[in-house]
C-alpha atoms as a PDB file:
ATOM      1  CA  MET A   1     101.380  68.782  90.824  1.00  0.00           C
ATOM      2  CA  SER A   2     101.573  72.271  92.656  1.00  0.00           C
ATOM      3  CA  GLN A   3     103.144  75.153  91.212  1.00  0.00           C
ATOM      4  CA  LEU A   4     105.232  77.616  92.842  1.00  0.00           C
ATOM      5  CA  LEU A   5     103.620  80.679  94.251  1.00  0.00           C
ATOM      6  CA  SER A   6     106.133  82.890  92.471  1.00  0.00           C
ATOM      7  CA  ASP A   7     104.850  81.520  89.185  1.00  0.00           C
ATOM      8  CA  ARG A   8     101.466  83.130  89.652  1.00  0.00           C
ATOM      9  CA  PRO A   9     100.331  85.720  87.037  1.00  0.00           C
ATOM     10  CA  LYS A  10     100.886  89.371  88.018  1.00  0.00           C
ATOM     11  CA  GLY A  11      99.176  91.415  85.190  1.00  0.00           C
ATOM     12  CA  LYS A  12      96.966  94.483  86.030  1.00  0.00           C
ATOM     13  CA  GLU A  13      94.170  93.024  84.107  1.00  0.00           C
ATOM     14  CA  VAL A  14      92.439  90.972  86.745  1.00  0.00           C
ATOM     15  CA  GLN A  15      89.339  88.934  87.432  1.00  0.00           C
ATOM     16  CA  LEU A  16      87.509  89.345  90.548  1.00  0.00           C
ATOM     17  CA  MET A  17      85.828  86.524  92.580  1.00  0.00           C
ATOM     18  CA  ALA A  18      83.757  88.366  95.065  1.00  0.00           C
ATOM     19  CA  THR A  19      82.844  85.214  97.144  1.00  0.00           C
ATOM     20  CA  CYS A  20      79.417  84.068  98.398  1.00  0.00           C
ATOM     21  CA  LEU A  21      79.419  86.065 101.785  1.00  0.00           C
ATOM     22  CA  CYS A  22      80.244  89.424 100.026  1.00  0.00           C
ATOM     23  CA  ASP A  23      77.538  88.792  97.417  1.00  0.00           C
ATOM     24  CA  ALA A  24      74.950  87.839 100.015  1.00  0.00           C
ATOM     25  CA  PHE A  25      76.069  90.050 102.912  1.00  0.00           C
ATOM     26  CA  TYR A  26      78.981  92.253 102.515  1.00  0.00           C
ATOM     27  CA  ALA A  27      78.818  93.996  99.184  1.00  0.00           C
ATOM     28  CA  ASP A  28      80.760  97.080 100.624  1.00  0.00           C
ATOM     29  CA  ALA A  29      83.836  94.758 101.015  1.00  0.00           C
ATOM     30  CA  ALA A  30      83.638  93.820  97.264  1.00  0.00           C
ATOM     31  CA  MET A  31      83.087  97.209  96.170  1.00  0.00           C
ATOM     32  CA  ALA A  32      85.941  98.548  98.290  1.00  0.00           C
ATOM     33  CA  THR A  33      88.035  95.946  96.506  1.00  0.00           C
ATOM     34  CA  VAL A  34      87.035  97.246  93.261  1.00  0.00           C
ATOM     35  CA  GLU A  35      87.878 100.806  94.092  1.00  0.00           C
ATOM     36  CA  ILE A  36      91.351 100.271  95.488  1.00  0.00           C
ATOM     37  CA  LEU A  37      92.252  98.002  92.573  1.00  0.00           C
ATOM     38  CA  GLU A  38      91.240 100.572  89.970  1.00  0.00           C
ATOM     39  CA  HIS A  39      93.117 103.147  92.156  1.00  0.00           C
ATOM     40  CA  LEU A  40      96.295 101.047  91.462  1.00  0.00           C
ATOM     41  CA  GLY A  41      95.464 101.014  87.712  1.00  0.00           C
ATOM     42  CA  CYS A  42      94.022  97.663  87.488  1.00  0.00           C
ATOM     43  CA  LYS A  43      91.266  96.805  84.911  1.00  0.00           C
ATOM     44  CA  VAL A  44      88.778  94.665  86.919  1.00  0.00           C
ATOM     45  CA  GLU A  45      86.610  92.117  85.158  1.00  0.00           C
ATOM     46  CA  PHE A  46      83.740  90.670  87.149  1.00  0.00           C
ATOM     47  CA  PRO A  47      82.264  87.435  85.438  1.00  0.00           C
ATOM     48  CA  GLU A  48      78.581  87.594  86.478  1.00  0.00           C
ATOM     49  CA  ALA A  49      78.161  83.965  86.124  1.00  0.00           C
ATOM     50  CA  GLN A  50      80.537  83.181  89.119  1.00  0.00           C
ATOM     51  CA  THR A  51      79.117  81.087  91.987  1.00  0.00           C
ATOM     52  CA  CYS A  52      81.056  79.504  94.732  1.00  0.00           C
ATOM     53  CA  CYS A  53      84.765  78.339  95.366  1.00  0.00           C
ATOM     54  CA  GLY A  54      83.397  74.940  96.289  1.00  0.00           C
ATOM     55  CA  GLN A  55      84.678  75.121 100.060  1.00  0.00           C
ATOM     56  CA  PRO A  56      81.266  74.191 101.694  1.00  0.00           C
ATOM     57  CA  ALA A  57      81.147  70.876  99.748  1.00  0.00           C
ATOM     58  CA  PHE A  58      84.875  70.174 100.281  1.00  0.00           C
ATOM     59  CA  ASN A  59      84.631  70.816 104.036  1.00  0.00           C
ATOM     60  CA  ALA A  60      81.575  68.513 104.203  1.00  0.00           C
ATOM     61  CA  GLY A  61      83.406  65.765 102.502  1.00  0.00           C
ATOM     62  CA  ASP A  62      81.407  65.771  99.292  1.00  0.00           C
ATOM     63  CA  TRP A  63      84.334  65.902  97.054  1.00  0.00           C
ATOM     64  CA  THR A  64      82.318  64.899  93.866  1.00  0.00           C
ATOM     65  CA  ALA A  65      80.182  68.020  94.310  1.00  0.00           C
ATOM     66  CA  THR A  66      83.341  70.139  94.975  1.00  0.00           C
ATOM     67  CA  ARG A  67      84.849  69.041  91.713  1.00  0.00           C
ATOM     68  CA  ARG A  68      81.576  69.905  89.786  1.00  0.00           C
ATOM     69  CA  VAL A  69      81.605  73.383  91.387  1.00  0.00           C
ATOM     70  CA  LEU A  70      85.223  73.880  90.398  1.00  0.00           C
ATOM     71  CA  ARG A  71      84.854  72.681  86.959  1.00  0.00           C
ATOM     72  CA  TYR A  72      82.019  75.203  86.438  1.00  0.00           C
ATOM     73  CA  THR A  73      84.111  77.925  88.065  1.00  0.00           C
ATOM     74  CA  ARG A  74      86.992  77.143  85.840  1.00  0.00           C
ATOM     75  CA  LYS A  75      84.781  77.845  82.893  1.00  0.00           C
ATOM     76  CA  VAL A  76      83.561  80.915  84.212  1.00  0.00           C
ATOM     77  CA  PHE A  77      86.992  82.358  85.125  1.00  0.00           C
ATOM     78  CA  ASP A  78      88.627  81.244  81.792  1.00  0.00           C
ATOM     79  CA  GLY A  79      91.916  82.706  80.612  1.00  0.00           C
ATOM     80  CA  GLU A  80      95.384  83.682  82.021  1.00  0.00           C
ATOM     81  CA  LYS A  81      94.562  86.718  84.159  1.00  0.00           C
ATOM     82  CA  PRO A  82      95.084  86.738  87.914  1.00  0.00           C
ATOM     83  CA  ILE A  83      91.917  85.843  89.982  1.00  0.00           C
ATOM     84  CA  LEU A  84      91.703  88.058  92.993  1.00  0.00           C
ATOM     85  CA  LEU A  85      89.653  87.264  96.142  1.00  0.00           C
ATOM     86  CA  PRO A  86      89.068  89.364  99.129  1.00  0.00           C
ATOM     87  CA  SER A  87      89.033  86.212 101.179  1.00  0.00           C
ATOM     88  CA  GLY A  88      91.793  84.265 102.525  1.00  0.00           C
ATOM     89  CA  SER A  89      89.785  81.145 102.937  1.00  0.00           C
ATOM     90  CA  CYS A  90      88.327  81.022  99.437  1.00  0.00           C
ATOM     91  CA  ARG A  91      91.865  81.770  98.019  1.00  0.00           C
ATOM     92  CA  ALA A  92      93.114  78.601 100.008  1.00  0.00           C
ATOM     93  CA  MET A  93      90.199  76.535  98.600  1.00  0.00           C
ATOM     94  CA  LEU A  94      90.951  77.593  95.092  1.00  0.00           C
ATOM     95  CA  GLY A  95      94.586  76.889  95.536  1.00  0.00           C
ATOM     96  CA  HIS A  96      95.350  74.138  98.166  1.00  0.00           C
ATOM     97  CA  GLY A  97      91.946  72.645  98.535  1.00  0.00           C
ATOM     98  CA  ALA A  98      91.126  72.390  94.862  1.00  0.00           C
ATOM     99  CA  GLN A  99      94.416  70.493  94.108  1.00  0.00           C
ATOM    100  CA  LEU A 100      93.595  67.915  96.857  1.00  0.00           C
ATOM    101  CA  ALA A 101      90.251  67.373  95.364  1.00  0.00           C
ATOM    102  CA  PHE A 102      91.648  66.838  91.932  1.00  0.00           C
ATOM    103  CA  GLU A 103      94.616  64.793  93.024  1.00  0.00           C
ATOM    104  CA  LYS A 104      93.378  61.575  91.467  1.00  0.00           C
ATOM    105  CA  GLU A 105      91.441  63.290  88.414  1.00  0.00           C
ATOM    106  CA  PRO A 106      92.547  63.192  84.765  1.00  0.00           C
ATOM    107  CA  ASP A 107      92.130  67.094  84.744  1.00  0.00           C
ATOM    108  CA  ARG A 108      94.391  67.447  87.680  1.00  0.00           C
ATOM    109  CA  ASP A 109      97.195  69.441  85.716  1.00  0.00           C
ATOM    110  CA  GLU A 110      94.647  71.668  84.345  1.00  0.00           C
ATOM    111  CA  GLN A 111      93.239  72.340  87.781  1.00  0.00           C
ATOM    112  CA  ALA A 112      96.600  72.980  89.218  1.00  0.00           C
ATOM    113  CA  ARG A 113      97.435  75.592  86.509  1.00  0.00           C
ATOM    114  CA  TRP A 114      94.169  77.280  86.858  1.00  0.00           C
ATOM    115  CA  SER A 115      94.438  77.272  90.868  1.00  0.00           C
ATOM    116  CA  ASN A 116      97.842  78.995  90.392  1.00  0.00           C
ATOM    117  CA  ARG A 117      96.158  81.909  89.133  1.00  0.00           C
ATOM    118  CA  ALA A 118      94.404  82.699  92.496  1.00  0.00           C
ATOM    119  CA  TRP A 119      95.549  85.466  94.724  1.00  0.00           C
ATOM    120  CA  GLU A 120      94.225  86.862  97.920  1.00  0.00           C
ATOM    121  CA  LEU A 121      93.769  90.690  97.637  1.00  0.00           C
ATOM    122  CA  CYS A 122      96.584  92.166  99.854  1.00  0.00           C
ATOM    123  CA  ASP A 123      98.986  89.486  98.736  1.00  0.00           C
ATOM    124  CA  TYR A 124      98.514  90.529  95.384  1.00  0.00           C
ATOM    125  CA  ILE A 125      98.831  94.259  96.012  1.00  0.00           C
ATOM    126  CA  VAL A 126     102.146  93.714  97.832  1.00  0.00           C
ATOM    127  CA  ASN A 127     103.821  90.844  96.029  1.00  0.00           C
ATOM    128  CA  ALA A 128     102.365  91.280  92.495  1.00  0.00           C
ATOM    129  CA  LEU A 129     102.059  94.957  92.249  1.00  0.00           C
ATOM    130  CA  GLY A 130     105.037  95.776  94.601  1.00  0.00           C
ATOM    131  CA  VAL A 131     102.859  98.318  96.558  1.00  0.00           C
ATOM    132  CA  THR A 132     104.133  98.570 100.003  1.00  0.00           C
ATOM    133  CA  LYS A 133     102.849 102.279 101.197  1.00  0.00           C
ATOM    134  CA  TRP A 134      99.268 103.333 101.167  1.00  0.00           C
ATOM    135  CA  PRO A 135      98.101 106.797 100.650  1.00  0.00           C
ATOM    136  CA  GLY A 136      95.798 108.942 102.936  1.00  0.00           C
ATOM    137  CA  ARG A 137      95.040 108.857 106.581  1.00  0.00           C
ATOM    138  CA  TYR A 138      93.074 106.612 108.785  1.00  0.00           C
ATOM    139  CA  ASN A 139      92.869 107.382 112.514  1.00  0.00           C
ATOM    140  CA  GLY A 140      92.520 104.374 114.485  1.00  0.00           C
ATOM    141  CA  ARG A 141      94.113 101.529 116.556  1.00  0.00           C
ATOM    142  CA  ILE A 142      93.483  98.210 114.485  1.00  0.00           C
ATOM    143  CA  SER A 143      93.286  94.700 116.004  1.00  0.00           C
ATOM    144  CA  LEU A 144      94.014  92.543 112.863  1.00  0.00           C
ATOM    145  CA  HIS A 145      92.753  89.109 113.016  1.00  0.00           C
ATOM    146  CA  ARG A 146      94.969  86.441 111.306  1.00  0.00           C
ATOM    147  CA  SER A 147      92.707  83.970 109.702  1.00  0.00           C
ATOM    148  CA  CYS A 148      93.732  80.386 109.674  1.00  0.00           C
ATOM    149  CA  HIS A 149      93.440  80.137 105.820  1.00  0.00           C
ATOM    150  CA  THR A 150      96.004  82.775 105.102  1.00  0.00           C
ATOM    151  CA  ARG A 151      98.740  80.443 106.542  1.00  0.00           C
ATOM    152  CA  GLY A 152     100.976  79.395 103.657  1.00  0.00           C
ATOM    153  CA  SER A 153     100.663  82.711 101.869  1.00  0.00           C
ATOM    154  CA  ASP A 154     101.950  86.341 102.577  1.00  0.00           C
ATOM    155  CA  SER A 155      98.475  87.592 103.083  1.00  0.00           C
ATOM    156  CA  TYR A 156      98.604  88.575 106.695  1.00  0.00           C
ATOM    157  CA  GLU A 157     102.033  89.992 106.501  1.00  0.00           C
ATOM    158  CA  SER A 158     100.978  92.016 103.253  1.00  0.00           C
ATOM    159  CA  ALA A 159      98.007  93.428 105.146  1.00  0.00           C
ATOM    160  CA  VAL A 160     100.237  94.504 107.985  1.00  0.00           C
ATOM    161  CA  THR A 161     102.593  96.319 105.529  1.00  0.00           C
ATOM    162  CA  LEU A 162      99.843  98.045 103.902  1.00  0.00           C
ATOM    163  CA  LEU A 163      97.985  99.153 107.042  1.00  0.00           C
ATOM    164  CA  SER A 164     100.975 100.157 109.001  1.00  0.00           C
ATOM    165  CA  SER A 165     102.004 102.385 106.234  1.00  0.00           C
ATOM    166  CA  ILE A 166      98.873 104.643 106.540  1.00  0.00           C
ATOM    167  CA  GLU A 167      99.130 107.801 108.528  1.00  0.00           C
ATOM    168  CA  GLY A 168      97.290 107.622 111.763  1.00  0.00           C
ATOM    169  CA  VAL A 169      96.995 103.778 111.863  1.00  0.00           C
ATOM    170  CA  GLU A 170      98.331 101.830 115.030  1.00  0.00           C
ATOM    171  CA  ILE A 171      98.475  98.016 114.664  1.00  0.00           C
ATOM    172  CA  ALA A 172      97.726  96.495 117.942  1.00  0.00           C
ATOM    173  CA  GLU A 173      99.445  93.530 119.427  1.00  0.00           C
ATOM    174  CA  VAL A 174      96.970  90.752 119.659  1.00  0.00           C
ATOM    175  CA  GLY A 175      97.481  87.857 122.010  1.00  0.00           C
ATOM    176  CA  GLU A 176      97.496  84.098 120.667  1.00  0.00           C
ATOM    177  CA  LEU A 177      97.508  85.441 116.912  1.00  0.00           C
ATOM    178  CA  GLU A 178      97.575  81.832 115.440  1.00  0.00           C
ATOM    179  CA  GLN A 179      94.420  80.835 117.302  1.00  0.00           C
ATOM    180  CA  CYS A 180      91.326  79.997 115.206  1.00  0.00           C
ATOM    181  CA  CYS A 181      88.245  82.148 115.551  1.00  0.00           C
ATOM    182  CA  GLY A 182      86.158  78.915 115.695  1.00  0.00           C
ATOM    183  CA  PHE A 183      84.030  79.346 112.644  1.00  0.00           C
ATOM    184  CA  GLY A 184      85.554  76.973 110.129  1.00  0.00           C
ATOM    185  CA  GLY A 185      82.452  76.850 107.929  1.00  0.00           C
ATOM    186  CA  THR A 186      80.457  73.621 108.649  1.00  0.00           C
ATOM    187  CA  PHE A 187      82.554  73.266 111.838  1.00  0.00           C
ATOM    188  CA  SER A 188      80.641  75.901 113.622  1.00  0.00           C
ATOM    189  CA  VAL A 189      77.428  73.979 112.649  1.00  0.00           C
ATOM    190  CA  SER A 190      78.580  70.542 113.584  1.00  0.00           C
ATOM    191  CA  PHE A 191      80.432  71.602 116.850  1.00  0.00           C
ATOM    192  CA  PRO A 192      78.669  74.741 117.906  1.00  0.00           C
ATOM    193  CA  HIS A 193      79.712  74.651 121.634  1.00  0.00           C
ATOM    194  CA  ILE A 194      83.444  74.228 120.777  1.00  0.00           C
ATOM    195  CA  SER A 195      83.037  76.847 118.133  1.00  0.00           C
ATOM    196  CA  LYS A 196      81.512  79.257 120.679  1.00  0.00           C
ATOM    197  CA  GLU A 197      84.134  78.752 123.217  1.00  0.00           C
ATOM    198  CA  MET A 198      86.890  79.188 120.484  1.00  0.00           C
ATOM    199  CA  GLY A 199      85.178  82.463 119.459  1.00  0.00           C
ATOM    200  CA  GLU A 200      84.736  83.930 122.720  1.00  0.00           C
ATOM    201  CA  LEU A 201      88.599  83.464 123.492  1.00  0.00           C
ATOM    202  CA  LYS A 202      89.443  85.035 120.203  1.00  0.00           C
ATOM    203  CA  ILE A 203      87.212  88.038 120.833  1.00  0.00           C
ATOM    204  CA  GLU A 204      88.812  88.390 124.335  1.00  0.00           C
ATOM    205  CA  HIS A 205      92.289  88.676 122.624  1.00  0.00           C
ATOM    206  CA  LEU A 206      91.111  90.920 119.801  1.00  0.00           C
ATOM    207  CA  THR A 207      89.382  93.354 121.981  1.00  0.00           C
ATOM    208  CA  ALA A 208      91.970  93.370 124.954  1.00  0.00           C
ATOM    209  CA  PRO A 209      94.023  96.146 123.305  1.00  0.00           C
ATOM    210  CA  GLN A 210      91.061  98.248 123.179  1.00  0.00           C
ATOM    211  CA  PRO A 211      90.989  98.791 119.375  1.00  0.00           C
ATOM    212  CA  ASP A 212      88.989 101.206 117.366  1.00  0.00           C
ATOM    213  CA  VAL A 213      88.369  98.445 114.897  1.00  0.00           C
ATOM    214  CA  ILE A 214      88.707  94.796 114.376  1.00  0.00           C
ATOM    215  CA  ALA A 215      89.956  94.075 110.811  1.00  0.00           C
ATOM    216  CA  GLY A 216      90.347  90.961 109.010  1.00  0.00           C
ATOM    217  CA  LEU A 217      91.039  89.432 105.473  1.00  0.00           C
ATOM    218  CA  ASP A 218      87.997  87.051 105.446  1.00  0.00           C
ATOM    219  CA  MET A 219      84.394  88.099 105.812  1.00  0.00           C
ATOM    220  CA  ALA A 220      83.572  84.581 107.180  1.00  0.00           C
ATOM    221  CA  CYS A 221      85.723  85.141 110.087  1.00  0.00           C
ATOM    222  CA  LEU A 222      84.444  88.555 110.707  1.00  0.00           C
ATOM    223  CA  MET A 223      80.841  87.392 110.244  1.00  0.00           C
ATOM    224  CA  HIS A 224      81.268  84.679 113.107  1.00  0.00           C
ATOM    225  CA  LEU A 225      83.127  87.036 115.195  1.00  0.00           C
ATOM    226  CA  GLY A 226      80.789  89.812 114.496  1.00  0.00           C
ATOM    227  CA  GLY A 227      77.649  87.909 115.350  1.00  0.00           C
ATOM    228  CA  MET A 228      79.043  86.759 118.727  1.00  0.00           C
ATOM    229  CA  MET A 229      80.185  90.258 119.610  1.00  0.00           C
ATOM    230  CA  ASP A 230      76.856  91.737 118.788  1.00  0.00           C
ATOM    231  CA  ARG A 231      75.207  89.141 121.157  1.00  0.00           C
ATOM    232  CA  GLN A 232      77.752  90.160 123.760  1.00  0.00           C
ATOM    233  CA  GLY A 233      76.930  93.850 123.260  1.00  0.00           C
ATOM    234  CA  GLN A 234      80.434  94.567 122.082  1.00  0.00           C
ATOM    235  CA  PRO A 235      80.370  97.781 119.932  1.00  0.00           C
ATOM    236  CA  THR A 236      83.735  97.494 118.170  1.00  0.00           C
ATOM    237  CA  PRO A 237      83.195  97.820 114.310  1.00  0.00           C
ATOM    238  CA  ARG A 238      84.537  95.019 112.274  1.00  0.00           C
ATOM    239  CA  LEU A 239      86.014  95.918 108.812  1.00  0.00           C
ATOM    240  CA  HIS A 240      87.576  93.969 105.936  1.00  0.00           C
ATOM    241  CA  VAL A 241      91.063  95.425 105.251  1.00  0.00           C
ATOM    242  CA  ALA A 242      89.810  96.521 101.843  1.00  0.00           C
ATOM    243  CA  GLN A 243      87.373  98.893 103.443  1.00  0.00           C
ATOM    244  CA  ILE A 244      90.203 100.427 105.565  1.00  0.00           C
ATOM    245  CA  LEU A 245      92.182 100.992 102.475  1.00  0.00           C
ATOM    246  CA  LYS A 246      89.237 102.696 100.652  1.00  0.00           C
ATOM    247  CA  ALA A 247      88.662 104.942 103.659  1.00  0.00           C
ATOM    248  CA  ALA A 248      92.306 106.020 103.563  1.00  0.00           C
ATOM    249  CA  LEU A 249      91.947 106.907  99.753  1.00  0.00           C
ATOM    250  CA  GLU A 250      88.918 108.908 100.379  1.00  0.00           C
ATOM    251  CA  SER A 251      90.679 111.020 103.060  1.00  0.00           C
ATOM    252  CA  GLU A 252      93.521 111.518 100.475  1.00  0.00           C
ATOM    253  CA  LYS A 253      90.829 112.819  97.940  1.00  0.00           C
ATOM    254  CA  ALA A 254      89.248 114.986 100.575  1.00  0.00           C
ATOM    255  CA  THR A 255      92.403 116.981 101.154  1.00  0.00           C
ATOM    256  CA  VAL A 256      93.036 117.675  97.419  1.00  0.00           C
END
């Protein structure tokens, strides 16, 4: 049922799914996403009727509700344009998770074709647009968190490519890079003590190189880690990679 990732659409007319967390808490990350895409010459369409990728219901085991959400989302994001998400977990849900949920459904092939349109932002910039160098300057040492849901894609590697090309950026070496942050959506609610211990260990590794900023490709991970860091009194800022790319662009404009 699955299609090869190389078959995903690559046009510069794109649809943006901002995700629930950006909509509710992190509008800056969504706006930064739009700005960097427009800088790259993309025409960004934002379907205002969009809601959720279906991941909360999927993780809770309610696949009937998951399919209902996804069928609605397919209608909202109709067409053939790439669907871009500033979230590794939402991209994984629209791709792998959705196809699992529809494996025995009569519209499984339609879902598979639709799922194949979804891209995580950095993966799209590097592997669809062929951009490997980013303009401007950003002075800072960055600990880049590798979210679990970016596995199976080139999202993390693409982010490293873009960030390391920016003048002034140093990518810190983070210990136990593959380790989960402990959020896992409903996992952190169902198993709060385990989630807390996982998060604390992850924070130790991310802060050990004494970074100027902790960056990620998923606001869910950054929200979880950020809340714990605030309670610990850890002052290190947390930013989505898109926000750093936007800041570098602004430095470039300031020198013109």
